[in-house]
Amino acid sequence: MKMYYALAALAFSLCVSICAADADELRLTASDWRPYVDSRVQRSGFAVALVSRALERAGYDVSIDIGPWPQTLEDTIAGKYDVFATLWFTDERAKSIVFSEPYIKNEMALVRRSDSGIRFREREDLLGLKIGIVDDFAYNPEGVDTTGIDIVSSGSVTENIAQLRDGELDLVLADRRVALTEINDSALAKLFDVLPNPLITRGLRIGVSKQRDDADTIVAAFEAEIAKMREDGSFNAILATFRVSD
């Protein structure tokens, strides 16, 4: 009987070792973009938590490295990382990255100074205004006629909010969740408003480097698990942990 248990334990140990060896490793990356990605909190923000959990459920062994933008994107394209967790689709990026379907919606909203009186109902309301966007982050308002609108690029939403505060910008275009995080962290939070009507709505996706021959397989596995997570409630449970909604 002792021999039986010894053999059973050995078989179990071998199975664990083989399964671990067979687990495909994925190097996941993103750049700080609160509340989606936040290197200071557990599980690195709600978007990273969703993505890593879906990939783990699909059988992948996931490691996470949060780094500076746009170096993380360039490193994903080059194959240093396998998966970028939080990416918007562009035709240029699609040349070197396989994109998933969106797993969460982004509303690109306009931020104003509360005392400005600026309203946004239609494009004509923006004529003659100076609007800050983030350079090289696909924040530019594609599909919107910007004739007569002064678009100004900077390195971050934080920089744009500071310029808005100082009167150097009339509006800032930013993801609604990001904008609210930025202004709520500010000592001058009451100085700003996020306007209710989004200028653009986009879908947040994962991007898998085409340096991986199985990029399409990874994307398909991710999409299947995200769908299951929505069905079994674990998707919304992760969002609730971070106090955000879909």
Foldseek 3Di string as FASTA:
>chain_A
DVVVVVVVVVVVVVVVVVLVVPAAEFEEEEEDQPQCAQPVDPCGHLQSVLQVVLLVVLRHHYDYDYDDPPVVVVCQLVPVGFKYRWAFDDPVSVVFWDKAFFLDKWFWWKKAFPPLPQADDDPVSQAQFEEEEEPPRPLPLPPDPCVRHHYHYDHDVLVVVVCRVVVVGGIYTDTPNSVLVNLVPDPVNNRMDTHDHGSDMTGIIMIGGVVDVCNVVSSVSSVVSSVVCVVVVVSVVSCVVVPHGD
